[in-house]
């Protein structure tokens, strides 16, 4: 009876090795306990300070008008100031980060936090200075949602000074 589990285990290992050798894309995980892979380097990196990664989870298309992405921030990485004409929701899935609306105090955000950002509110978000952070980004009201990137977040703004 013990041969069957061993045989199944060997088959699974062989299948995984075969898939990897066939050139299937394999994403490296961040040093966080997250559900989704961290993805590739963020294609919008020109609007971020530091290194970030994006794994698109749902595209905006004619059927599902809800672009959803898993964004992973290395320590100290953050977005530029920006706003969304349709708003945004962030679901923090790992680590510790920072969130700030223009004119407000910097807020610490942690795994399990939900950040609801109203349309046209200028804000930024990113990892803590010594912590990776991952969040799911959901663009709300996406039929009319446009993202407007503004200036980089200064070190003083990031530090809450």
Foldseek 3Di string as FASTA:
>chain_A
DVVVVVVVVVVVVVVVVVCVVVPDDDADADPKPADDGQAAWDPVCVQKDATKGKDWDDDCDPVDNKTKIKMKADAPMKGFWKFKQAWKKKAWQTKKKWKDWPPDFIDIDGHGDIDTGHGPTTMMMAHHNHMMTIIMMIRGPNVRIDMDGDGGQDPCVRVRD
